[in-house]
Amino acid sequence: MNKIYLLIGGNEGNRFSYLKQAITNIEIFCGELLKTSSIYETAPWGKTDQDLFLNQALLIQSALDPVSTMNTVLEIEKKMGRKRIEKYGSRIIDIDILFFNNEIVNIPQLKIPHPEIQNRRFVLTPMNEIAPTFMHPVLRKTVHELLEECPDQLAVKKIIE
């Protein structure tokens, strides 16, 4: 079985409800949910003139391979109503594959580890909660080390429900 770290997030509509729906769909179509981070409210990255996001890191266990995982999460996004209109634009849901075991995948349609992890506090903060000692297979640094060195200073705030 494969261990896969995902980041889910969105900034449109009922953000909490969409995160819950995404988790349900991931459990149905991808595999067993092993860990979840807290939910974090985060400043938009890449395009700042939009609403705040909610983000959450997940660890799942799955029999799917990397490309099948990508196709499945894209189908979940589509099923939930995601429309890809503008790069870094607002969205109902976004599901990113952060890490897939310790594998490195570099094909035109898929890059694992996600190539921007080390530059995004909104990714590293929830990942640090569930896997601080996980070693980035390319950069050879732990998630915690990457968070300590992260140049991104945008706001990331843990939400208490």
C-alpha atoms as a PDB file:
ATOM      1  CA  MET A   1       0.000   0.000   0.000  1.00  0.00           C
ATOM      2  CA  ASN A   2       1.123   3.508  -0.809  1.00  0.00           C
ATOM      3  CA  LYS A   3       1.311   6.360   1.683  1.00  0.00           C
ATOM      4  CA  ILE A   4       0.187   9.591   0.034  1.00  0.00           C
ATOM      5  CA  TYR A   5       0.199  13.092   1.485  1.00  0.00           C
ATOM      6  CA  LEU A   6      -2.446  15.412   0.056  1.00  0.00           C
ATOM      7  CA  LEU A   7      -3.354  19.031   0.621  1.00  0.00           C
ATOM      8  CA  ILE A   8      -6.993  20.012   0.232  1.00  0.00           C
ATOM      9  CA  GLY A   9      -8.249  23.566   0.178  1.00  0.00           C
ATOM     10  CA  GLY A  10     -10.668  26.083  -1.200  1.00  0.00           C
ATOM     11  CA  ASN A  11     -11.996  29.589  -0.794  1.00  0.00           C
ATOM     12  CA  GLU A  12     -15.465  29.597  -2.330  1.00  0.00           C
ATOM     13  CA  GLY A  13     -18.846  28.853  -0.791  1.00  0.00           C
ATOM     14  CA  ASN A  14     -19.120  26.836   2.409  1.00  0.00           C
ATOM     15  CA  ARG A  15     -15.416  26.116   2.754  1.00  0.00           C
ATOM     16  CA  PHE A  16     -15.775  23.719   5.719  1.00  0.00           C
ATOM     17  CA  SER A  17     -18.455  21.701   3.932  1.00  0.00           C
ATOM     18  CA  TYR A  18     -16.335  21.388   0.796  1.00  0.00           C
ATOM     19  CA  LEU A  19     -13.341  20.141   2.801  1.00  0.00           C
ATOM     20  CA  LYS A  20     -15.551  17.503   4.438  1.00  0.00           C
ATOM     21  CA  GLN A  21     -16.990  16.474   1.056  1.00  0.00           C
ATOM     22  CA  ALA A  22     -13.477  16.194  -0.379  1.00  0.00           C
ATOM     23  CA  ILE A  23     -12.377  13.939   2.489  1.00  0.00           C
ATOM     24  CA  THR A  24     -15.438  11.718   2.026  1.00  0.00           C
ATOM     25  CA  ASN A  25     -14.743  11.404  -1.705  1.00  0.00           C
ATOM     26  CA  ILE A  26     -11.046  10.728  -1.111  1.00  0.00           C
ATOM     27  CA  GLU A  27     -11.962   7.926   1.319  1.00  0.00           C
ATOM     28  CA  ILE A  28     -14.410   6.421  -1.201  1.00  0.00           C
ATOM     29  CA  PHE A  29     -12.288   6.694  -4.347  1.00  0.00           C
ATOM     30  CA  CYS A  30      -8.639   6.847  -3.209  1.00  0.00           C
ATOM     31  CA  GLY A  31      -8.090   4.961   0.003  1.00  0.00           C
ATOM     32  CA  GLU A  32      -8.050   4.898   3.775  1.00  0.00           C
ATOM     33  CA  LEU A  33      -7.611   8.156   5.664  1.00  0.00           C
ATOM     34  CA  LEU A  34      -4.801   7.727   8.216  1.00  0.00           C
ATOM     35  CA  LYS A  35      -4.214  11.295   9.480  1.00  0.00           C
ATOM     36  CA  THR A  36      -5.616  14.785   9.111  1.00  0.00           C
ATOM     37  CA  SER A  37      -4.161  18.093  10.195  1.00  0.00           C
ATOM     38  CA  SER A  38      -6.149  20.856  11.770  1.00  0.00           C
ATOM     39  CA  ILE A  39      -7.883  23.182   9.349  1.00  0.00           C
ATOM     40  CA  TYR A  40      -5.965  26.372   8.642  1.00  0.00           C
ATOM     41  CA  GLU A  41      -7.238  29.662   7.273  1.00  0.00           C
ATOM     42  CA  THR A  42      -4.640  30.952   4.850  1.00  0.00           C
ATOM     43  CA  ALA A  43      -3.940  34.014   2.778  1.00  0.00           C
ATOM     44  CA  PRO A  44      -4.189  33.483  -0.983  1.00  0.00           C
ATOM     45  CA  TRP A  45      -0.872  32.671  -2.657  1.00  0.00           C
ATOM     46  CA  GLY A  46      -0.021  33.726  -6.199  1.00  0.00           C
ATOM     47  CA  LYS A  47      -3.139  35.885  -6.654  1.00  0.00           C
ATOM     48  CA  THR A  48      -3.857  37.932  -3.571  1.00  0.00           C
ATOM     49  CA  ASP A  49      -7.093  39.744  -4.508  1.00  0.00           C
ATOM     50  CA  GLN A  50      -9.433  36.969  -3.405  1.00  0.00           C
ATOM     51  CA  ASP A  51     -11.014  35.456  -0.297  1.00  0.00           C
ATOM     52  CA  LEU A  52      -9.040  33.548   2.329  1.00  0.00           C
ATOM     53  CA  PHE A  53      -8.597  29.800   1.862  1.00  0.00           C
ATOM     54  CA  LEU A  54      -9.115  26.892   4.205  1.00  0.00           C
ATOM     55  CA  ASN A  55      -6.413  24.213   3.898  1.00  0.00           C
ATOM     56  CA  GLN A  56      -5.875  20.809   5.462  1.00  0.00           C
ATOM     57  CA  ALA A  57      -3.170  18.157   5.020  1.00  0.00           C
ATOM     58  CA  LEU A  58      -4.130  14.488   4.802  1.00  0.00           C
ATOM     59  CA  LEU A  59      -2.269  11.210   4.878  1.00  0.00           C
ATOM     60  CA  ILE A  60      -3.979   8.376   3.049  1.00  0.00           C
ATOM     61  CA  GLN A  61      -3.102   4.783   2.335  1.00  0.00           C
ATOM     62  CA  SER A  62      -3.970   3.660  -1.169  1.00  0.00           C
ATOM     63  CA  ALA A  63      -3.423   0.921  -3.751  1.00  0.00           C
ATOM     64  CA  LEU A  64      -3.491   3.560  -6.504  1.00  0.00           C
ATOM     65  CA  ASP A  65      -0.326   4.463  -8.409  1.00  0.00           C
ATOM     66  CA  PRO A  66       0.695   8.135  -8.813  1.00  0.00           C
ATOM     67  CA  VAL A  67      -1.026   8.768 -12.170  1.00  0.00           C
ATOM     68  CA  SER A  68      -4.212   6.986 -11.059  1.00  0.00           C
ATOM     69  CA  THR A  69      -4.185   9.061  -7.864  1.00  0.00           C
ATOM     70  CA  MET A  70      -3.876  12.269  -9.893  1.00  0.00           C
ATOM     71  CA  ASN A  71      -6.692  11.252 -12.254  1.00  0.00           C
ATOM     72  CA  THR A  72      -8.899  10.303  -9.309  1.00  0.00           C
ATOM     73  CA  VAL A  73      -8.401  13.562  -7.403  1.00  0.00           C
ATOM     74  CA  LEU A  74      -9.006  15.574 -10.595  1.00  0.00           C
ATOM     75  CA  GLU A  75     -12.259  13.647 -11.067  1.00  0.00           C
ATOM     76  CA  ILE A  76     -13.249  14.375  -7.436  1.00  0.00           C
ATOM     77  CA  GLU A  77     -12.580  18.099  -7.995  1.00  0.00           C
ATOM     78  CA  LYS A  78     -14.684  18.044 -11.170  1.00  0.00           C
ATOM     79  CA  LYS A  79     -17.509  16.109  -9.461  1.00  0.00           C
ATOM     80  CA  MET A  80     -17.538  18.724  -6.676  1.00  0.00           C
ATOM     81  CA  GLY A  81     -17.874  21.557  -9.203  1.00  0.00           C
ATOM     82  CA  ARG A  82     -14.292  22.787  -9.585  1.00  0.00           C
ATOM     83  CA  LYS A  83     -13.822  24.986 -12.635  1.00  0.00           C
ATOM     84  CA  ARG A  84     -10.289  25.813 -13.791  1.00  0.00           C
ATOM     85  CA  ILE A  85     -10.640  29.371 -15.090  1.00  0.00           C
ATOM     86  CA  GLU A  86      -7.640  31.302 -13.804  1.00  0.00           C
ATOM     87  CA  LYS A  87      -4.242  30.157 -12.509  1.00  0.00           C
ATOM     88  CA  TYR A  88      -4.133  30.600  -8.706  1.00  0.00           C
ATOM     89  CA  GLY A  89      -7.739  31.822  -8.864  1.00  0.00           C
ATOM     90  CA  SER A  90     -10.499  31.137  -6.368  1.00  0.00           C
ATOM     91  CA  ARG A  91     -11.916  27.619  -6.256  1.00  0.00           C
ATOM     92  CA  ILE A  92     -14.439  25.402  -4.522  1.00  0.00           C
ATOM     93  CA  ILE A  93     -11.837  22.692  -3.939  1.00  0.00           C
ATOM     94  CA  ASP A  94      -8.236  21.935  -4.791  1.00  0.00           C
ATOM     95  CA  ILE A  95      -6.601  18.576  -4.080  1.00  0.00           C
ATOM     96  CA  ASP A  96      -2.828  18.453  -4.493  1.00  0.00           C
ATOM     97  CA  ILE A  97      -0.571  15.418  -4.224  1.00  0.00           C
ATOM     98  CA  LEU A  98       2.326  16.547  -2.058  1.00  0.00           C
ATOM     99  CA  PHE A  99       4.267  13.314  -1.567  1.00  0.00           C
ATOM    100  CA  PHE A 100       3.768   9.733  -2.777  1.00  0.00           C
ATOM    101  CA  ASN A 101       5.772   7.405  -0.527  1.00  0.00           C
ATOM    102  CA  ASN A 102       9.338   8.608  -1.108  1.00  0.00           C
ATOM    103  CA  GLU A 103       8.938   8.528  -4.870  1.00  0.00           C
ATOM    104  CA  ILE A 104      10.027  11.121  -7.364  1.00  0.00           C
ATOM    105  CA  VAL A 105       7.718  11.435 -10.364  1.00  0.00           C
ATOM    106  CA  ASN A 106       8.660  13.814 -13.151  1.00  0.00           C
ATOM    107  CA  ILE A 107       6.414  13.401 -16.166  1.00  0.00           C
ATOM    108  CA  PRO A 108       4.699  16.187 -18.137  1.00  0.00           C
ATOM    109  CA  GLN A 109       1.317  15.802 -16.398  1.00  0.00           C
ATOM    110  CA  LEU A 110       2.581  15.115 -12.872  1.00  0.00           C
ATOM    111  CA  LYS A 111       5.418  16.254 -10.610  1.00  0.00           C
ATOM    112  CA  ILE A 112       5.869  14.565  -7.217  1.00  0.00           C
ATOM    113  CA  PRO A 113       6.927  15.873  -4.763  1.00  0.00           C
ATOM    114  CA  HIS A 114       4.832  18.909  -5.545  1.00  0.00           C
ATOM    115  CA  PRO A 115       7.435  21.384  -6.895  1.00  0.00           C
ATOM    116  CA  GLU A 116       6.364  24.347  -4.725  1.00  0.00           C
ATOM    117  CA  ILE A 117       6.111  22.715  -1.275  1.00  0.00           C
ATOM    118  CA  GLN A 118       9.204  24.462   0.095  1.00  0.00           C
ATOM    119  CA  ASN A 119       7.865  27.895  -0.941  1.00  0.00           C
ATOM    120  CA  ARG A 120       4.391  27.671   0.569  1.00  0.00           C
ATOM    121  CA  ARG A 121       3.739  28.174   4.264  1.00  0.00           C
ATOM    122  CA  PHE A 122       0.073  27.163   3.757  1.00  0.00           C
ATOM    123  CA  VAL A 123       1.317  23.701   2.725  1.00  0.00           C
ATOM    124  CA  LEU A 124       4.161  23.290   5.188  1.00  0.00           C
ATOM    125  CA  THR A 125       2.261  24.363   8.324  1.00  0.00           C
ATOM    126  CA  PRO A 126      -0.443  21.648   8.161  1.00  0.00           C
ATOM    127  CA  MET A 127       2.120  19.101   6.882  1.00  0.00           C
ATOM    128  CA  ASN A 128       4.357  19.924   9.850  1.00  0.00           C
ATOM    129  CA  GLU A 129       1.462  19.079  12.161  1.00  0.00           C
ATOM    130  CA  ILE A 130       1.042  15.534  10.790  1.00  0.00           C
ATOM    131  CA  ALA A 131       4.543  14.687   9.469  1.00  0.00           C
ATOM    132  CA  PRO A 132       7.283  17.004  10.789  1.00  0.00           C
ATOM    133  CA  THR A 133      10.031  14.422  10.283  1.00  0.00           C
ATOM    134  CA  PHE A 134       8.995  13.347   6.785  1.00  0.00           C
ATOM    135  CA  MET A 135      12.031  13.753   4.521  1.00  0.00           C
ATOM    136  CA  HIS A 136      11.546  15.541   1.192  1.00  0.00           C
ATOM    137  CA  PRO A 137      13.037  13.001  -1.258  1.00  0.00           C
ATOM    138  CA  VAL A 138      14.587  15.654  -3.522  1.00  0.00           C
ATOM    139  CA  LEU A 139      15.631  18.423  -1.125  1.00  0.00           C
ATOM    140  CA  ARG A 140      16.698  15.951   1.600  1.00  0.00           C
ATOM    141  CA  LYS A 141      15.230  18.107   4.370  1.00  0.00           C
ATOM    142  CA  THR A 142      12.408  17.349   6.777  1.00  0.00           C
ATOM    143  CA  VAL A 143       9.063  19.110   6.543  1.00  0.00           C
ATOM    144  CA  HIS A 144       9.943  20.894   9.782  1.00  0.00           C
ATOM    145  CA  GLU A 145      13.258  22.121   8.349  1.00  0.00           C
ATOM    146  CA  LEU A 146      11.515  23.324   5.190  1.00  0.00           C
ATOM    147  CA  LEU A 147       8.968  25.224   7.293  1.00  0.00           C
ATOM    148  CA  GLU A 148      11.749  26.868   9.317  1.00  0.00           C
ATOM    149  CA  GLU A 149      13.439  28.004   6.083  1.00  0.00           C
ATOM    150  CA  CYS A 150      10.276  28.906   4.140  1.00  0.00           C
ATOM    151  CA  PRO A 151      10.530  32.360   2.514  1.00  0.00           C
ATOM    152  CA  ASP A 152       6.724  32.735   2.365  1.00  0.00           C
ATOM    153  CA  GLN A 153       5.448  34.992   5.146  1.00  0.00           C
ATOM    154  CA  LEU A 154       1.732  34.964   4.238  1.00  0.00           C
ATOM    155  CA  ALA A 155      -0.708  34.421   7.115  1.00  0.00           C
ATOM    156  CA  VAL A 156      -1.556  30.847   8.149  1.00  0.00           C
ATOM    157  CA  LYS A 157      -3.908  30.591  11.138  1.00  0.00           C
ATOM    158  CA  LYS A 158      -5.144  27.396  12.794  1.00  0.00           C
ATOM    159  CA  ILE A 159      -8.944  27.343  12.958  1.00  0.00           C
ATOM    160  CA  ILE A 160     -10.491  26.079  16.169  1.00  0.00           C
ATOM    161  CA  GLU A 161     -13.887  24.505  15.589  1.00  0.00           C
END
